[in-house]
Amino acid sequence: MKKFNDKDFLLETETAKDLYHNHAAKMPIIDYHCHLIPQMVAENKKFESIAQIWLMGDHYKWRAMRSNGIDEKYCTGKDTTDWEKFEKWAETVPYTFRNPLYHWTHLELKTAFGIDKLLNPETAREIYDQCNEMIKNEDRFCPRGMMEHYNVEVVCTTDDPADSLEWHKVVKEDPTAKTRMLPTWRPDAGMNIEAATWCDYIKKLSEVSGVAITGFAELNEALQKRHNFFESMGCKLSDHGIEEFYDEPYTDAEVDAIMKKALAGECITVEEQRKYKHAYMKEQGKMDYASGWAQQYHYGAIRNNNSKMFAKLGPDTGFDSIGEFTTAKAMSHFLDELNSEGKLAKTILYCLNPSANEVIATMLGNFQDGSVAGKIQFGSGWWFLDQKDGMEKQMNALSVLGLLSRFVGMLTDSRSFLSYPRHEYFRRTLCNLVGNDIEAGLIPFEGYEKQRVYQMIEDICYNNAKNFFQF
């Protein structure tokens, strides 16, 4: 019986062990998409407990706890202590067998704290106290220390166009900051014209940009000014969280009229919403191309399913799910529009429904143009798919229908400073996948080809992302 979470965790063959220990493990981390709070990095926040690092904002854990019958007050409540929350998480952990949370929990305990014990109700107090003692006395459990500990070279946060980026400026100008923190342009609030908060957001954007936004042309002028500002702060990526792609035909006059209706508080139809979103996304794509950025599209989530809990807690609290959208044609049309105008930027496509893996993997080849290796990327297993099975399915589809060798690899997509073992989890999965193929005689492993395999592993873990994003 193989020991749980030993040094060869997830590595089934000697070749996989060689690939991981001698090549993948040594590579720095480029975490090009996450949801860390920049202020915490700038101020190098001192956490008071492991519960604050682990459970604050972690909707993955909250979903598991709710499923285990844990009362909401131990997830998001303000009247329960850190220990009470941690104790309830420890009660839940033994019920997460075969869920990636079980693996992540113990990888984080082992790699961050050196604790090689299983978390359960019997060990909870001991582990809680041991972690808290280390957090209290060691600077490496502040945000910057944790990023340095995990050899994180670059981290890209997710930022609204109206954001001042003041905390990015603090980090940028601090010579002691060893990990670069760069902003990512996330313009969803301006696109979601159906949202009750849209008009208020447009007013905010108008104030920040200094542009009186009365129609679509002025909106694009304001966004371009903010786009230029983000570029001056080192931004290299945009990110778009969309349900699906939009390709409804429109004219500039139509979109301007739709926007004026919305600003006047009038109802707009679903077709009008889709025309506006198509136009908005296209203009964003053109800006990204002009700046030489990479654009990311995360699509396929149904968000805020539980209206009662959304009203109580707001978004990103664990009530989202995988959606079913027939979006291949719209995606193709949208990318083709930009490409036909010579304005298609480097692009990463992420799908949340694994049934679309082959759709994405085949879409890539339609728009590769030889200008950049892997110009159009199939993004890593995202959200509900960032686990062993989901990552293997994504890499298998990419391998069969594209070039795994040019893949830009993993990201955390997390709000936690202790989530960097997800990169290790991915790297072990990658090395096991390739190692198994080698041992089965599917990939040669001698001479030039052996070195090519080694290079491929190191490229996917680090080099491809560094070259693709040009950080």
Protein backbone atom coordinates (compact mmCIF):
# COMPACT_ATOMS: atom_id res chain seq x y z
CA MET A 1 0.00 0.00 0.00
CA LYS A 2 1.41 3.38 -1.01
CA LYS A 3 1.68 5.95 1.77
CA PHE A 4 -0.60 9.00 1.52
CA ASN A 5 1.03 12.32 0.63
CA ASP A 6 4.62 11.10 0.64
CA LYS A 7 7.35 12.64 -1.51
CA ASP A 8 6.08 10.65 -4.51
CA PHE A 9 2.42 11.61 -4.07
CA LEU A 10 0.49 11.18 -7.36
CA LEU A 11 3.62 9.83 -9.09
CA GLU A 12 3.01 6.25 -10.19
CA THR A 13 6.22 5.44 -12.09
CA GLU A 14 9.95 5.97 -11.76
CA THR A 15 9.88 8.15 -14.85
CA ALA A 16 7.16 10.35 -13.37
CA LYS A 17 9.25 10.74 -10.22
CA ASP A 18 12.27 11.80 -12.30
CA LEU A 19 10.23 14.32 -14.26
CA TYR A 20 8.76 15.87 -11.14
CA HIS A 21 11.63 15.88 -8.66
CA ASN A 22 14.40 16.82 -11.09
CA HIS A 23 12.54 19.16 -13.42
CA ALA A 24 9.04 20.36 -12.46
CA ALA A 25 9.62 20.94 -8.76
CA LYS A 26 12.53 23.33 -9.21
CA MET A 27 10.73 25.78 -11.51
CA PRO A 28 9.50 29.13 -10.12
CA ILE A 29 5.77 29.90 -10.11
CA ILE A 30 4.06 32.41 -12.37
CA ASP A 31 0.55 32.75 -10.98
CA TYR A 32 -1.03 34.69 -13.81
CA HIS A 33 -4.63 34.59 -12.56
CA CYS A 34 -5.77 34.86 -8.94
CA HIS A 35 -8.13 36.80 -6.70
CA LEU A 36 -5.73 37.86 -3.96
CA ILE A 37 -6.42 41.21 -2.29
CA PRO A 38 -3.66 43.67 -3.30
CA GLN A 39 -3.95 45.65 -0.08
CA MET A 40 -2.99 42.56 1.93
CA VAL A 41 0.17 42.21 -0.15
CA ALA A 42 1.03 45.90 0.10
CA GLU A 43 0.56 45.98 3.86
CA ASN A 44 1.97 42.45 4.25
CA LYS A 45 -0.98 41.65 6.50
CA LYS A 46 -0.29 39.82 9.73
CA PHE A 47 -2.81 37.00 10.07
CA GLU A 48 -3.92 35.97 13.53
CA SER A 49 -4.69 32.32 12.84
CA ILE A 50 -4.67 29.52 10.31
CA ALA A 51 -8.47 29.89 10.17
CA GLN A 52 -8.08 33.41 8.76
CA ILE A 53 -5.69 32.23 6.06
CA TRP A 54 -7.67 29.11 5.22
CA LEU A 55 -11.34 29.90 5.68
CA MET A 56 -11.66 33.62 4.97
CA GLY A 57 -13.29 33.89 1.54
CA ASP A 58 -12.73 30.24 0.61
CA HIS A 59 -16.04 29.21 -0.93
CA TYR A 60 -14.61 25.79 -1.86
CA LYS A 61 -14.39 24.93 1.84
CA TRP A 62 -17.72 26.59 2.63
CA ARG A 63 -19.51 24.43 0.05
CA ALA A 64 -18.02 21.28 1.58
CA MET A 65 -18.92 22.36 5.10
CA ARG A 66 -22.52 23.14 4.12
CA SER A 67 -22.76 19.76 2.39
CA ASN A 68 -21.55 18.18 5.62
CA GLY A 69 -24.38 19.74 7.60
CA ILE A 70 -22.33 22.55 9.15
CA ASP A 71 -24.32 25.63 10.10
CA GLU A 72 -23.65 28.77 8.02
CA LYS A 73 -22.40 30.67 11.05
CA TYR A 74 -19.25 28.50 10.99
CA CYS A 75 -18.66 29.40 7.35
CA THR A 76 -19.42 33.09 6.97
CA GLY A 77 -20.75 34.07 10.41
CA LYS A 78 -19.27 36.99 12.34
CA ASP A 79 -20.26 35.73 15.78
CA THR A 80 -18.13 32.58 15.74
CA THR A 81 -14.45 32.45 16.67
CA ASP A 82 -11.57 31.41 14.46
CA TRP A 83 -11.21 28.22 16.50
CA GLU A 84 -14.90 27.34 16.14
CA LYS A 85 -14.67 27.76 12.36
CA PHE A 86 -11.46 25.74 12.17
CA GLU A 87 -12.93 23.00 14.37
CA LYS A 88 -15.89 22.62 12.02
CA TRP A 89 -13.57 22.49 9.00
CA ALA A 90 -11.53 19.79 10.76
CA GLU A 91 -14.76 17.83 11.33
CA THR A 92 -15.50 18.08 7.61
CA VAL A 93 -12.05 17.12 6.27
CA PRO A 94 -12.42 13.32 6.81
CA TYR A 95 -15.64 13.50 4.80
CA THR A 96 -13.81 14.98 1.79
CA PHE A 97 -12.08 11.75 0.67
CA ARG A 98 -11.75 11.81 -3.15
CA ASN A 99 -12.40 15.56 -3.18
CA PRO A 100 -9.34 17.69 -4.07
CA LEU A 101 -9.87 19.64 -0.85
CA TYR A 102 -8.48 16.67 1.05
CA HIS A 103 -5.30 16.71 -1.00
CA TRP A 104 -4.91 20.50 -0.96
CA THR A 105 -5.45 20.68 2.80
CA HIS A 106 -2.66 18.25 3.57
CA LEU A 107 -0.31 19.59 0.91
CA GLU A 108 -0.67 23.05 2.45
CA LEU A 109 -0.10 21.78 5.99
CA LYS A 110 2.99 19.87 4.87
CA THR A 111 4.60 22.37 2.52
CA ALA A 112 3.86 25.54 4.51
CA PHE A 113 4.00 24.36 8.11
CA GLY A 114 5.95 21.11 7.89
CA ILE A 115 3.02 19.29 9.47
CA ASP A 116 2.75 15.75 8.14
CA LYS A 117 -0.31 14.76 10.16
CA LEU A 118 -3.86 14.16 9.00
CA LEU A 119 -6.37 16.81 9.99
CA ASN A 120 -9.41 15.41 11.78
CA PRO A 121 -11.34 16.09 15.00
CA GLU A 122 -8.68 14.28 17.07
CA THR A 123 -5.76 16.33 15.73
CA ALA A 124 -7.57 19.63 15.17
CA ARG A 125 -6.55 21.42 18.36
CA GLU A 126 -2.92 20.34 18.15
CA ILE A 127 -2.60 21.41 14.51
CA TYR A 128 -4.48 24.66 15.11
CA ASP A 129 -2.20 25.64 17.98
CA GLN A 130 0.97 24.60 16.15
CA CYS A 131 0.06 26.58 13.05
CA ASN A 132 -0.94 29.63 15.06
CA GLU A 133 2.32 29.60 17.01
CA MET A 134 4.26 29.63 13.75
CA ILE A 135 2.03 32.34 12.27
CA LYS A 136 2.59 34.47 15.36
CA ASN A 137 6.37 34.14 15.44
CA GLU A 138 7.46 33.81 11.80
CA ASP A 139 7.24 36.53 9.15
CA ARG A 140 7.02 33.95 6.39
CA PHE A 141 3.31 33.51 7.12
CA CYS A 142 2.55 37.04 5.97
CA PRO A 143 1.46 37.35 2.31
CA ARG A 144 4.87 38.24 0.92
CA GLY A 145 6.59 35.61 2.99
CA MET A 146 4.25 32.89 1.76
CA MET A 147 4.78 33.90 -1.86
CA GLU A 148 8.56 33.89 -1.38
CA HIS A 149 8.38 30.52 0.38
CA TYR A 150 6.66 29.00 -2.66
CA ASN A 151 9.06 30.68 -5.11
CA VAL A 152 6.36 32.82 -6.72
CA GLU A 153 8.01 35.10 -9.25
CA VAL A 154 4.94 36.94 -10.56
CA VAL A 155 1.36 37.14 -9.33
CA CYS A 156 -1.47 38.79 -11.30
CA THR A 157 -4.50 39.98 -9.36
CA THR A 158 -7.96 40.69 -10.81
CA ASP A 159 -8.84 44.38 -10.92
CA ASP A 160 -11.71 46.57 -12.08
CA PRO A 161 -10.99 49.36 -14.60
CA ALA A 162 -12.13 51.95 -12.04
CA ASP A 163 -9.61 50.71 -9.45
CA SER A 164 -6.94 53.20 -8.41
CA LEU A 165 -4.29 50.43 -8.25
CA GLU A 166 -2.85 52.30 -5.26
CA TRP A 167 -1.78 49.09 -3.55
CA HIS A 168 -0.07 47.85 -6.71
CA LYS A 169 1.88 51.12 -6.71
CA VAL A 170 3.00 50.50 -3.12
CA VAL A 171 4.36 47.07 -3.99
CA LYS A 172 5.86 48.23 -7.26
CA GLU A 173 7.85 50.94 -5.51
CA ASP A 174 8.93 48.76 -2.56
CA PRO A 175 12.47 47.43 -3.17
CA THR A 176 11.96 44.73 -0.53
CA ALA A 177 9.08 43.10 -2.45
CA LYS A 178 10.57 39.98 -4.06
CA THR A 179 7.42 38.83 -5.86
CA ARG A 180 6.13 41.08 -8.63
CA MET A 181 2.43 41.86 -8.29
CA LEU A 182 0.75 43.04 -11.49
CA PRO A 183 -2.86 44.06 -12.15
CA THR A 184 -5.21 42.29 -14.55
CA TRP A 185 -7.91 44.22 -16.42
CA ARG A 186 -11.34 42.75 -15.50
CA PRO A 187 -14.02 44.91 -17.19
CA ASP A 188 -17.10 42.77 -16.47
CA ALA A 189 -18.97 45.45 -14.50
CA GLY A 190 -19.24 47.69 -17.54
CA MET A 191 -20.39 44.82 -19.74
CA ASN A 192 -23.19 43.53 -17.52
CA ILE A 193 -25.74 46.08 -18.70
CA GLU A 194 -28.64 44.07 -17.23
CA ALA A 195 -27.29 44.38 -13.67
CA ALA A 196 -29.09 46.65 -11.23
CA THR A 197 -25.75 48.25 -10.35
CA TRP A 198 -24.73 49.02 -13.97
CA CYS A 199 -25.79 52.69 -14.05
CA ASP A 200 -24.02 53.40 -10.77
CA TYR A 201 -20.90 51.73 -12.12
CA ILE A 202 -20.94 53.85 -15.29
CA LYS A 203 -21.13 56.99 -13.09
CA LYS A 204 -18.15 55.75 -11.09
CA LEU A 205 -16.16 55.02 -14.25
CA SER A 206 -17.03 58.47 -15.57
CA GLU A 207 -15.70 60.11 -12.40
CA VAL A 208 -12.48 58.09 -12.33
CA SER A 209 -11.71 58.60 -16.03
CA GLY A 210 -12.79 62.23 -16.26
CA VAL A 211 -14.99 61.42 -19.26
CA ALA A 212 -18.69 62.34 -19.29
CA ILE A 213 -20.21 59.03 -20.41
CA THR A 214 -23.41 59.66 -22.32
CA GLY A 215 -23.14 56.92 -24.96
CA PHE A 216 -21.06 54.05 -26.29
CA ALA A 217 -18.32 56.21 -27.84
CA GLU A 218 -17.71 57.99 -24.54
CA LEU A 219 -17.73 54.67 -22.68
CA ASN A 220 -14.95 53.38 -24.92
CA GLU A 221 -13.03 56.63 -24.49
CA ALA A 222 -13.22 56.26 -20.70
CA LEU A 223 -12.21 52.61 -20.83
CA GLN A 224 -9.29 53.39 -23.15
CA LYS A 225 -7.98 55.98 -20.69
CA ARG A 226 -8.16 53.44 -17.87
CA HIS A 227 -6.64 50.75 -20.12
CA ASN A 228 -3.68 53.06 -20.75
CA PHE A 229 -3.32 53.59 -17.00
CA PHE A 230 -3.33 49.86 -16.31
CA GLU A 231 -0.68 49.42 -18.99
CA SER A 232 1.49 52.04 -17.29
CA MET A 233 1.21 49.96 -14.10
CA GLY A 234 2.61 46.86 -15.80
CA CYS A 235 -0.65 45.14 -16.77
CA LYS A 236 -0.18 42.47 -19.44
CA LEU A 237 -3.51 40.62 -19.33
CA SER A 238 -7.23 41.12 -19.44
CA ASP A 239 -9.76 38.68 -18.02
CA HIS A 240 -13.44 38.33 -18.85
CA GLY A 241 -15.91 36.31 -16.80
CA ILE A 242 -18.76 35.57 -19.20
CA GLU A 243 -21.61 33.07 -19.32
CA GLU A 244 -21.11 32.58 -23.05
CA PHE A 245 -19.78 34.30 -26.17
CA TYR A 246 -21.91 36.80 -28.08
CA ASP A 247 -22.08 37.34 -31.84
CA GLU A 248 -25.40 39.11 -32.48
CA PRO A 249 -24.97 41.52 -35.45
CA TYR A 250 -25.09 45.18 -34.46
CA THR A 251 -24.39 48.67 -35.75
CA ASP A 252 -22.65 51.38 -33.74
CA ALA A 253 -25.86 53.41 -33.81
CA GLU A 254 -27.85 50.48 -32.40
CA VAL A 255 -25.42 49.93 -29.52
CA ASP A 256 -25.35 53.62 -28.71
CA ALA A 257 -29.14 53.71 -28.59
CA ILE A 258 -29.24 50.61 -26.38
CA MET A 259 -26.80 52.18 -23.96
CA LYS A 260 -28.72 55.46 -23.83
CA LYS A 261 -31.91 53.50 -23.01
CA ALA A 262 -30.16 51.72 -20.16
CA LEU A 263 -28.70 54.98 -18.81
CA ALA A 264 -32.21 56.46 -18.84
CA GLY A 265 -33.46 53.56 -16.73
CA GLU A 266 -35.50 52.00 -19.53
CA CYS A 267 -35.78 48.23 -19.89
CA ILE A 268 -33.75 46.62 -22.63
CA THR A 269 -34.48 43.32 -24.28
CA VAL A 270 -32.35 40.19 -24.11
CA GLU A 271 -31.39 40.69 -27.76
CA GLU A 272 -30.30 44.26 -26.99
CA GLN A 273 -28.24 43.03 -24.05
CA ARG A 274 -26.48 40.54 -26.29
CA LYS A 275 -25.77 43.14 -28.98
CA TYR A 276 -24.30 45.50 -26.39
CA LYS A 277 -22.15 42.74 -24.86
CA HIS A 278 -20.88 41.69 -28.28
CA ALA A 279 -19.86 45.27 -29.08
CA TYR A 280 -18.35 45.80 -25.65
CA MET A 281 -16.24 42.64 -25.79
CA LYS A 282 -15.07 43.41 -29.30
CA GLU A 283 -13.86 46.87 -28.32
CA GLN A 284 -12.07 45.36 -25.35
CA GLY A 285 -10.38 42.85 -27.63
CA LYS A 286 -9.14 45.63 -29.91
CA MET A 287 -7.68 47.51 -26.95
CA ASP A 288 -5.88 44.40 -25.76
CA TYR A 289 -4.41 43.77 -29.19
CA ALA A 290 -3.14 47.35 -29.47
CA SER A 291 -1.40 47.02 -26.10
CA GLY A 292 0.09 43.61 -26.84
CA TRP A 293 -1.79 42.04 -23.94
CA ALA A 294 -3.11 38.51 -23.65
CA GLN A 295 -6.87 38.22 -23.21
CA GLN A 296 -8.50 35.54 -21.07
CA TYR A 297 -12.09 34.34 -21.38
CA HIS A 298 -13.56 32.32 -18.51
CA TYR A 299 -16.95 31.12 -19.67
CA GLY A 300 -19.64 28.64 -18.69
CA ALA A 301 -20.55 29.40 -15.06
CA ILE A 302 -24.07 29.90 -13.76
CA ARG A 303 -23.51 32.30 -10.90
CA ASN A 304 -25.48 33.10 -7.75
CA ASN A 305 -27.97 30.24 -8.13
CA ASN A 306 -29.24 30.58 -4.56
CA SER A 307 -31.07 33.92 -4.58
CA LYS A 308 -31.74 33.81 -0.83
CA MET A 309 -28.05 33.42 0.02
CA PHE A 310 -27.01 35.89 -2.68
CA ALA A 311 -29.21 38.52 -0.99
CA LYS A 312 -27.62 37.68 2.35
CA LEU A 313 -23.94 37.21 1.43
CA GLY A 314 -23.42 38.60 -2.07
CA PRO A 315 -21.44 37.00 -4.93
CA ASP A 316 -18.50 34.56 -4.74
CA THR A 317 -19.75 32.81 -1.62
CA GLY A 318 -20.15 29.28 -2.95
CA PHE A 319 -23.44 29.21 -4.85
CA ASP A 320 -22.22 28.94 -8.45
CA SER A 321 -22.24 25.90 -10.72
CA ILE A 322 -21.31 24.56 -14.14
CA GLY A 323 -23.59 25.79 -16.92
CA GLU A 324 -24.67 24.34 -20.25
CA PHE A 325 -24.30 26.79 -23.13
CA THR A 326 -24.14 26.04 -26.84
CA THR A 327 -21.50 28.62 -27.59
CA ALA A 328 -19.06 27.13 -30.12
CA LYS A 329 -20.39 29.06 -33.14
CA ALA A 330 -20.59 32.34 -31.26
CA MET A 331 -17.05 31.85 -29.96
CA SER A 332 -15.83 31.12 -33.47
CA HIS A 333 -17.60 34.16 -34.94
CA PHE A 334 -16.29 36.45 -32.19
CA LEU A 335 -12.66 35.34 -32.59
CA ASP A 336 -13.00 35.42 -36.39
CA GLU A 337 -14.24 39.03 -36.31
CA LEU A 338 -11.15 40.18 -34.44
CA ASN A 339 -8.88 38.01 -36.54
CA SER A 340 -10.36 39.29 -39.83
CA GLU A 341 -9.63 42.85 -38.75
CA GLY A 342 -6.08 41.89 -37.76
CA LYS A 343 -6.91 42.61 -34.09
CA LEU A 344 -6.90 39.18 -32.44
CA ALA A 345 -4.65 39.31 -29.37
CA LYS A 346 -3.02 36.35 -27.67
CA THR A 347 -5.98 34.51 -26.18
CA ILE A 348 -6.63 31.97 -23.42
CA LEU A 349 -9.97 30.14 -23.45
CA TYR A 350 -11.22 28.46 -20.27
CA CYS A 351 -14.37 26.35 -20.20
CA LEU A 352 -16.11 25.30 -17.01
CA ASN A 353 -18.01 22.41 -18.57
CA PRO A 354 -15.65 19.50 -19.37
CA SER A 355 -17.98 18.39 -22.16
CA ALA A 356 -16.59 21.38 -24.10
CA ASN A 357 -12.93 20.36 -23.75
CA GLU A 358 -12.65 19.07 -27.30
CA VAL A 359 -14.59 22.08 -28.60
CA ILE A 360 -11.98 24.41 -27.14
CA ALA A 361 -9.03 22.21 -28.11
CA THR A 362 -10.10 22.22 -31.76
CA MET A 363 -10.96 25.94 -31.75
CA LEU A 364 -7.34 26.83 -30.98
CA GLY A 365 -6.01 25.60 -34.29
CA ASN A 366 -8.43 27.77 -36.25
CA PHE A 367 -6.68 30.96 -35.19
CA GLN A 368 -3.03 30.07 -34.65
CA ASP A 369 -1.07 32.23 -37.08
CA GLY A 370 2.58 31.37 -36.50
CA SER A 371 3.35 34.77 -34.96
CA VAL A 372 3.60 33.40 -31.41
CA ALA A 373 3.96 29.80 -30.29
CA GLY A 374 0.62 28.80 -28.80
CA LYS A 375 -0.98 32.18 -29.53
CA ILE A 376 -4.43 30.74 -28.77
CA GLN A 377 -4.35 28.73 -25.55
CA PHE A 378 -6.64 26.20 -23.89
CA GLY A 379 -6.63 27.40 -20.29
CA SER A 380 -5.90 24.99 -17.47
CA GLY A 381 -8.64 23.14 -15.61
CA TRP A 382 -10.64 25.95 -14.03
CA TRP A 383 -12.70 26.23 -10.82
CA PHE A 384 -14.60 22.95 -10.48
CA LEU A 385 -12.09 21.35 -12.86
CA ASP A 386 -8.82 22.32 -11.15
CA GLN A 387 -8.38 18.82 -9.73
CA LYS A 388 -6.63 15.66 -10.91
CA ASP A 389 -9.46 14.34 -13.09
CA GLY A 390 -10.30 17.75 -14.57
CA MET A 391 -6.67 18.63 -15.27
CA GLU A 392 -6.01 15.26 -16.89
CA LYS A 393 -9.06 15.63 -19.15
CA GLN A 394 -8.01 19.13 -20.18
CA MET A 395 -4.43 18.05 -20.91
CA ASN A 396 -5.56 14.91 -22.76
CA ALA A 397 -7.83 16.96 -25.04
CA LEU A 398 -5.08 19.50 -25.66
CA SER A 399 -2.51 16.77 -26.29
CA VAL A 400 -4.63 14.93 -28.84
CA LEU A 401 -5.92 17.98 -30.69
CA GLY A 402 -3.17 20.56 -30.18
CA LEU A 403 0.31 20.97 -28.68
CA LEU A 404 0.62 20.23 -24.97
CA SER A 405 4.27 21.34 -25.27
CA ARG A 406 3.16 24.96 -25.78
CA PHE A 407 0.69 25.01 -22.85
CA VAL A 408 1.14 27.94 -20.42
CA GLY A 409 0.30 25.77 -17.43
CA MET A 410 -1.39 26.27 -14.09
CA LEU A 411 -2.75 29.16 -12.00
CA THR A 412 -4.34 29.28 -8.55
CA ASP A 413 -7.55 31.26 -9.29
CA SER A 414 -7.61 31.64 -5.52
CA ARG A 415 -8.15 34.15 -2.72
CA SER A 416 -5.78 32.33 -0.37
CA PHE A 417 -2.06 32.93 0.09
CA LEU A 418 -1.66 29.26 0.96
CA SER A 419 -3.04 27.95 -2.33
CA TYR A 420 0.28 27.69 -4.18
CA PRO A 421 0.47 23.90 -3.66
CA ARG A 422 -2.16 23.79 -6.42
CA HIS A 423 0.79 24.40 -8.75
CA GLU A 424 2.56 21.42 -7.17
CA TYR A 425 -0.62 19.35 -7.52
CA PHE A 426 -0.79 20.28 -11.20
CA ARG A 427 2.91 19.58 -11.78
CA ARG A 428 2.70 16.17 -10.16
CA THR A 429 -0.36 15.36 -12.28
CA LEU A 430 1.40 16.53 -15.44
CA CYS A 431 4.54 14.50 -14.69
CA ASN A 432 2.49 11.41 -13.90
CA LEU A 433 0.55 11.74 -17.16
CA VAL A 434 3.69 12.07 -19.27
CA GLY A 435 5.63 9.52 -17.21
CA ASN A 436 2.94 6.89 -17.70
CA ASP A 437 3.03 7.45 -21.47
CA ILE A 438 6.79 7.05 -21.50
CA GLU A 439 6.68 3.82 -19.51
CA ALA A 440 3.95 2.50 -21.82
CA GLY A 441 6.20 3.11 -24.82
CA LEU A 442 4.04 5.94 -26.20
CA ILE A 443 6.79 8.59 -25.97
CA PRO A 444 10.49 7.84 -26.69
CA PHE A 445 12.86 8.58 -23.82
CA GLU A 446 16.44 8.53 -25.00
CA GLY A 447 18.85 10.87 -26.73
CA TYR A 448 17.34 14.06 -28.16
CA GLU A 449 13.76 13.04 -27.30
CA LYS A 450 14.61 12.53 -23.62
CA GLN A 451 15.92 16.09 -23.38
CA ARG A 452 12.85 17.31 -25.28
CA VAL A 453 10.61 15.68 -22.66
CA TYR A 454 12.57 17.32 -19.84
CA GLN A 455 12.34 20.68 -21.61
CA MET A 456 8.60 20.24 -22.20
CA ILE A 457 7.96 19.70 -18.49
CA GLU A 458 9.98 22.77 -17.49
CA ASP A 459 8.32 24.84 -20.22
CA ILE A 460 4.78 23.96 -19.17
CA CYS A 461 5.59 24.64 -15.51
CA TYR A 462 7.25 28.03 -16.09
CA ASN A 463 9.01 28.96 -19.35
CA ASN A 464 5.96 29.01 -21.60
CA ALA A 465 4.08 31.43 -19.34
CA LYS A 466 7.12 33.69 -18.97
CA ASN A 467 7.59 33.87 -22.74
CA PHE A 468 3.86 34.14 -23.53
CA PHE A 469 3.07 37.01 -21.18
CA GLN A 470 6.44 38.78 -21.49
CA PHE A 471 6.53 39.75 -17.82
